[in-house]
Protein backbone atom coordinates (compact mmCIF):
# COMPACT_ATOMS: atom_id res chain seq x y z
CA MET A 1 56.88 175.43 67.05
CA PHE A 2 53.57 173.58 66.99
CA SER A 3 52.99 171.30 69.97
CA GLU A 4 50.88 168.36 68.78
CA SER A 5 51.38 165.76 66.06
CA TYR A 6 48.94 165.58 63.18
CA LYS A 7 48.48 163.68 59.93
CA ALA A 8 49.29 165.23 56.58
CA ALA A 9 48.36 163.80 53.19
CA VAL A 10 49.97 164.33 49.81
CA ILE A 11 47.76 163.84 46.77
CA GLN A 12 48.99 162.29 43.55
CA MET A 13 47.00 163.11 40.41
CA ASN A 14 46.97 162.51 36.70
CA SER A 15 45.58 165.90 35.72
CA GLN A 16 44.47 166.54 32.14
CA THR A 17 42.85 169.46 30.30
CA ASP A 18 39.31 169.13 31.72
CA LEU A 19 39.18 171.66 34.56
CA GLN A 20 35.99 170.35 36.17
CA ALA A 21 37.12 166.72 35.98
CA ASN A 22 40.39 167.65 37.68
CA LEU A 23 38.59 169.55 40.42
CA ASP A 24 36.22 166.62 40.95
CA SER A 25 39.18 164.29 41.25
CA ALA A 26 40.95 166.58 43.70
CA TYR A 27 37.76 166.83 45.77
CA GLN A 28 37.51 163.04 46.09
CA PHE A 29 41.16 162.73 47.10
CA ILE A 30 40.77 165.49 49.70
CA LYS A 31 37.64 163.75 51.04
CA GLU A 32 39.51 160.44 51.27
CA SER A 33 42.45 162.12 53.02
CA VAL A 34 40.21 163.70 55.64
CA GLU A 35 38.41 160.40 56.20
CA LYS A 36 41.81 158.89 56.97
CA GLY A 37 42.50 161.58 59.53
CA ALA A 38 44.51 164.20 57.64
CA LYS A 39 44.55 167.69 59.13
CA VAL A 40 46.53 169.10 56.18
CA VAL A 41 46.21 168.02 52.55
CA GLY A 42 48.64 168.96 49.78
CA LEU A 43 47.77 169.06 46.08
CA PRO A 44 50.31 168.80 43.22
CA GLU A 45 51.57 171.42 40.80
CA ASN A 46 49.00 172.31 38.09
CA PHE A 47 46.45 170.06 39.78
CA ALA A 48 43.50 171.83 38.13
CA PHE A 49 44.86 171.79 34.60
CA LEU A 50 47.85 170.14 32.95
CA GLY A 51 48.06 170.54 29.18
CA GLY A 52 49.87 172.31 26.38
CA LEU A 53 51.02 175.91 26.52
CA SER A 54 48.47 177.42 24.16
CA ILE A 55 45.38 175.89 25.75
CA ARG A 56 46.67 176.58 29.27
CA MET A 57 47.08 180.25 28.45
CA LYS A 58 43.60 180.41 26.93
CA LYS A 59 42.05 178.94 30.07
CA ALA A 60 44.19 180.80 32.64
CA ASP A 61 41.49 183.37 33.48
CA LYS A 62 38.88 180.69 34.13
CA ILE A 63 41.28 178.53 36.11
CA ALA A 64 42.29 181.51 38.25
CA GLU A 65 38.61 182.25 38.87
CA GLU A 66 37.46 178.73 39.68
CA VAL A 67 40.36 177.31 41.70
CA PRO A 68 40.31 179.76 44.65
CA LYS A 69 36.57 179.16 45.08
CA PHE A 70 37.13 175.41 44.99
CA LEU A 71 39.96 175.51 47.53
CA SER A 72 38.13 177.85 49.90
CA GLU A 73 34.85 175.93 49.81
CA THR A 74 36.52 172.54 50.11
CA ALA A 75 38.71 173.63 53.04
CA LYS A 76 35.60 174.86 54.86
CA GLU A 77 33.50 171.81 54.01
CA PHE A 78 36.07 169.37 55.38
CA ASN A 79 37.52 171.64 58.10
CA VAL A 80 41.01 171.04 56.75
CA TYR A 81 44.12 172.98 55.80
CA ILE A 82 44.78 172.74 52.06
CA MET A 83 48.09 173.48 50.38
CA GLY A 84 46.64 174.22 46.96
CA GLY A 85 49.41 172.79 44.78
CA SER A 86 49.81 175.39 42.06
CA TYR A 87 47.76 176.88 39.25
CA PRO A 88 48.20 179.69 36.68
CA VAL A 89 47.26 183.23 37.72
CA PRO A 90 47.41 185.91 34.98
CA ALA A 91 50.21 188.48 35.31
CA ASP A 92 50.13 192.00 33.87
CA ASN A 93 52.42 191.21 30.92
CA GLY A 94 50.40 188.52 29.19
CA LYS A 95 52.11 185.71 31.09
CA VAL A 96 50.95 183.90 34.23
CA TYR A 97 52.36 183.23 37.66
CA ASN A 98 52.72 179.63 38.81
CA HIS A 99 50.85 180.30 42.03
CA SER A 100 50.87 178.10 45.15
CA PRO A 101 48.47 179.03 48.00
CA LEU A 102 47.69 177.74 51.49
CA TYR A 103 44.14 177.76 52.90
CA THR A 104 42.97 177.34 56.49
CA PRO A 105 39.86 175.39 57.60
CA SER A 106 37.98 178.70 57.62
CA GLY A 107 38.41 178.84 53.84
CA LYS A 108 40.84 181.77 53.96
CA GLU A 109 43.99 181.97 51.83
CA VAL A 110 46.62 182.87 54.42
CA GLN A 111 49.81 182.60 52.37
CA SER A 112 50.85 182.20 48.76
CA TYR A 113 53.95 181.92 46.62
CA ASN A 114 54.69 182.54 42.95
CA LYS A 115 57.34 180.18 41.58
CA ILE A 116 60.71 181.88 41.07
CA HIS A 117 62.81 179.18 39.34
CA LEU A 118 61.40 178.45 35.89
CA PHE A 119 61.86 175.11 34.14
CA ASP A 120 63.80 175.89 30.95
CA VAL A 121 65.64 172.68 30.08
CA ASP A 122 66.60 170.50 27.12
CA LEU A 123 66.56 166.89 28.27
CA ASP A 124 67.12 165.52 24.77
CA GLU A 125 66.21 166.43 21.19
CA ASP A 126 62.63 165.26 21.73
CA GLU A 127 62.03 166.62 25.23
CA SER A 128 62.42 170.32 25.94
CA TYR A 129 60.57 172.67 28.26
CA ARG A 130 60.41 176.48 28.29
CA GLU A 131 58.33 177.50 31.28
CA SER A 132 59.59 181.07 30.97
CA ASP A 133 57.74 181.41 27.65
CA TYR A 134 54.48 181.73 29.56
CA VAL A 135 55.31 182.01 33.27
CA GLU A 136 56.48 185.21 34.97
CA THR A 137 58.90 184.71 37.84
CA GLY A 138 57.61 185.65 41.27
CA ASP A 139 59.10 188.10 43.74
CA LEU A 140 62.35 186.95 45.35
CA GLU A 141 60.86 186.65 48.80
CA THR A 142 60.21 183.67 51.03
CA ALA A 143 56.60 182.69 51.67
CA ILE A 144 55.98 181.13 55.09
CA TYR A 145 52.76 180.45 56.95
CA GLU A 146 53.46 180.49 60.69
CA SER A 147 51.06 178.40 62.74
CA ASP A 148 50.98 176.92 66.23
CA GLN A 149 48.54 174.33 64.83
CA ILE A 150 50.43 172.87 61.86
CA GLY A 151 53.91 174.38 62.20
CA ASN A 152 55.63 176.88 59.95
CA TRP A 153 55.15 175.95 56.29
CA GLY A 154 57.60 177.25 53.70
CA LEU A 155 56.18 177.29 50.18
CA SER A 156 57.93 176.38 46.92
CA VAL A 157 57.08 174.65 43.62
CA CYS A 158 58.70 171.77 41.68
CA TYR A 159 61.87 173.03 39.91
CA ASP A 160 62.67 175.11 43.00
CA LEU A 161 63.73 171.76 44.49
CA ARG A 162 67.08 172.03 42.68
CA PHE A 163 68.03 175.27 44.42
CA PRO A 164 69.02 174.50 48.02
CA GLU A 165 69.65 178.14 48.86
CA LEU A 166 65.89 178.79 48.71
CA TYR A 167 65.17 176.14 51.35
CA ARG A 168 67.99 177.31 53.59
CA LYS A 169 66.50 180.81 53.42
CA LEU A 170 63.05 179.42 54.23
CA VAL A 171 64.44 177.63 57.27
CA ASP A 172 66.43 180.71 58.31
CA ASP A 173 63.14 182.61 58.17
CA GLY A 174 61.42 180.09 60.43
CA ALA A 175 60.10 177.22 58.29
CA ASP A 176 60.18 173.70 59.68
CA ILE A 177 57.99 172.10 57.00
CA LEU A 178 58.90 172.50 53.33
CA SER A 179 56.12 172.27 50.75
CA ILE A 180 57.14 171.18 47.24
CA PRO A 181 54.11 170.46 44.99
CA SER A 182 55.42 169.11 41.70
CA ALA A 183 54.88 167.74 38.22
CA PHE A 184 58.36 166.22 37.91
CA THR A 185 59.16 164.74 34.51
CA TYR A 186 59.54 160.97 34.25
CA THR A 187 62.99 161.45 32.72
CA THR A 188 64.39 163.43 35.65
CA GLY A 189 62.21 161.92 38.35
CA GLN A 190 63.55 158.40 38.11
CA ASP A 191 67.09 159.57 38.91
CA HIS A 192 66.69 162.80 40.90
CA TRP A 193 63.32 163.14 42.66
CA ARG A 194 63.78 161.00 45.78
CA PHE A 195 67.40 162.06 46.28
CA LEU A 196 66.72 165.79 46.01
CA LEU A 197 63.73 165.60 48.35
CA ARG A 198 65.73 163.65 50.94
CA ALA A 199 68.62 166.08 50.62
CA ARG A 200 66.37 169.08 51.29
CA ALA A 201 64.96 167.32 54.38
CA ILE A 202 68.37 166.22 55.69
CA GLU A 203 70.27 169.46 55.18
CA ASN A 204 67.46 171.53 56.73
CA THR A 205 66.37 169.00 59.39
CA SER A 206 62.79 169.66 58.27
CA TYR A 207 59.79 167.75 57.04
CA VAL A 208 59.31 167.76 53.27
CA ILE A 209 55.77 167.57 51.85
CA ALA A 210 55.81 166.74 48.13
CA PRO A 211 52.53 166.08 46.28
CA ALA A 212 53.01 165.02 42.66
CA GLN A 213 51.60 164.42 39.22
CA THR A 214 51.91 160.97 37.64
CA GLY A 215 51.48 159.23 34.28
CA LEU A 216 50.72 160.54 30.82
CA HIS A 217 49.20 163.99 30.28
CA GLY A 218 48.06 164.13 26.68
CA LYS A 219 50.27 162.32 24.19
CA ASN A 220 53.75 163.57 25.00
CA ARG A 221 54.15 164.59 28.64
CA LYS A 222 54.88 161.97 31.28
CA THR A 223 55.40 162.64 34.98
CA TRP A 224 57.16 160.51 37.55
CA GLY A 225 54.72 160.25 40.46
CA HIS A 226 55.95 159.12 43.89
CA ALA A 227 54.33 161.86 45.95
CA MET A 228 56.20 161.73 49.24
CA ILE A 229 56.45 162.86 52.82
CA ILE A 230 59.97 162.82 54.26
CA ASP A 231 60.89 163.32 57.89
CA PRO A 232 63.71 165.55 59.23
CA TRP A 233 66.09 162.58 59.41
CA GLY A 234 65.60 162.06 55.67
CA ARG A 235 63.44 158.95 55.89
CA VAL A 236 60.65 158.52 53.33
CA ILE A 237 57.63 157.97 55.59
CA ALA A 238 54.98 158.02 52.84
CA ASP A 239 55.20 157.26 49.11
CA ALA A 240 52.21 157.19 46.75
CA GLY A 241 53.96 155.05 44.12
CA GLN A 242 53.03 155.68 40.51
CA GLU A 243 49.23 155.50 40.53
CA PRO A 244 46.89 158.38 41.37
CA GLY A 245 46.00 158.34 45.04
CA ILE A 246 47.16 159.64 48.40
CA ALA A 247 50.00 159.03 50.83
CA ILE A 248 49.61 159.97 54.48
CA ALA A 249 51.98 160.29 57.45
CA GLU A 250 52.31 161.85 60.88
CA ILE A 251 54.00 165.22 61.29
CA ASP A 252 55.59 165.22 64.74
CA PRO A 253 57.12 168.38 66.25
CA THR A 254 59.26 166.35 68.64
CA LYS A 255 60.92 164.69 65.63
CA ILE A 256 62.09 168.09 64.38
CA GLN A 257 63.42 168.99 67.82
CA GLU A 258 65.07 165.61 68.24
CA VAL A 259 66.94 165.68 64.93
CA ARG A 260 67.98 169.32 65.32
CA SER A 261 69.35 168.42 68.76
CA GLN A 262 71.18 165.31 67.53
CA ILE A 263 72.70 167.04 64.50
CA PRO A 264 72.61 170.82 65.04
CA SER A 265 74.07 171.53 61.62
CA LEU A 266 71.94 174.65 61.21
CA ASN A 267 73.90 176.14 64.11
CA HIS A 268 77.28 175.03 62.83
CA ARG A 269 77.40 176.95 59.57
CA ARG A 270 80.46 179.07 58.85
CA MET A 271 79.25 180.73 55.64
């Protein structure tokens, strides 16, 4: 367990199809976060590019080339840990992985995760999503970065949020901070987002770090926003609202220890 409190920031973006514009926006938000004292900054799902399937696939090679350089250089420039949201990385079968990395202040990628739960849903006759058409599921393994500086971060992405068994496995494997970069739809977000995030924090007595996308992306896609940080008691301690920006809060190791002592539910399981 890490010993000292630090500030973490979650970034909320309205990413579009202009890669460089998105990277420039992310850079400014990271800069602002560091100026406000953040030691760790989290970016949202598809922060570098959020557009239709066909154009995303066409640009996947370039995105996968540019984003690691951006994350590494920016982490070094600002001497900050960066949870790099997610971005497409080409797989061998013509699809891509929805890839979420974590970078240290040295600019090194020290852990990464490829999303395993793919968003294939029919919300109504006008709103359907088939992530599996272009995304390859990742290996069924937990991805945790263990650190005595920022704690043990367990990585996940967006739709994973609906599968509590993943987070219980992350915590069983040592995580005490759960990273959930997202581009939650407006339709589902208004009813589910806050409640699911709080549930994952409460049932695992862990911090939840949830950067987010917000607003319209092109003509048809709308995301919910409300990037959040939630403490191990389940309290929302930072909420970015619905405009692009940042939300920042303190991550305190004694809070994890306190809640796990008050309600040691992780030790009381029978199954």
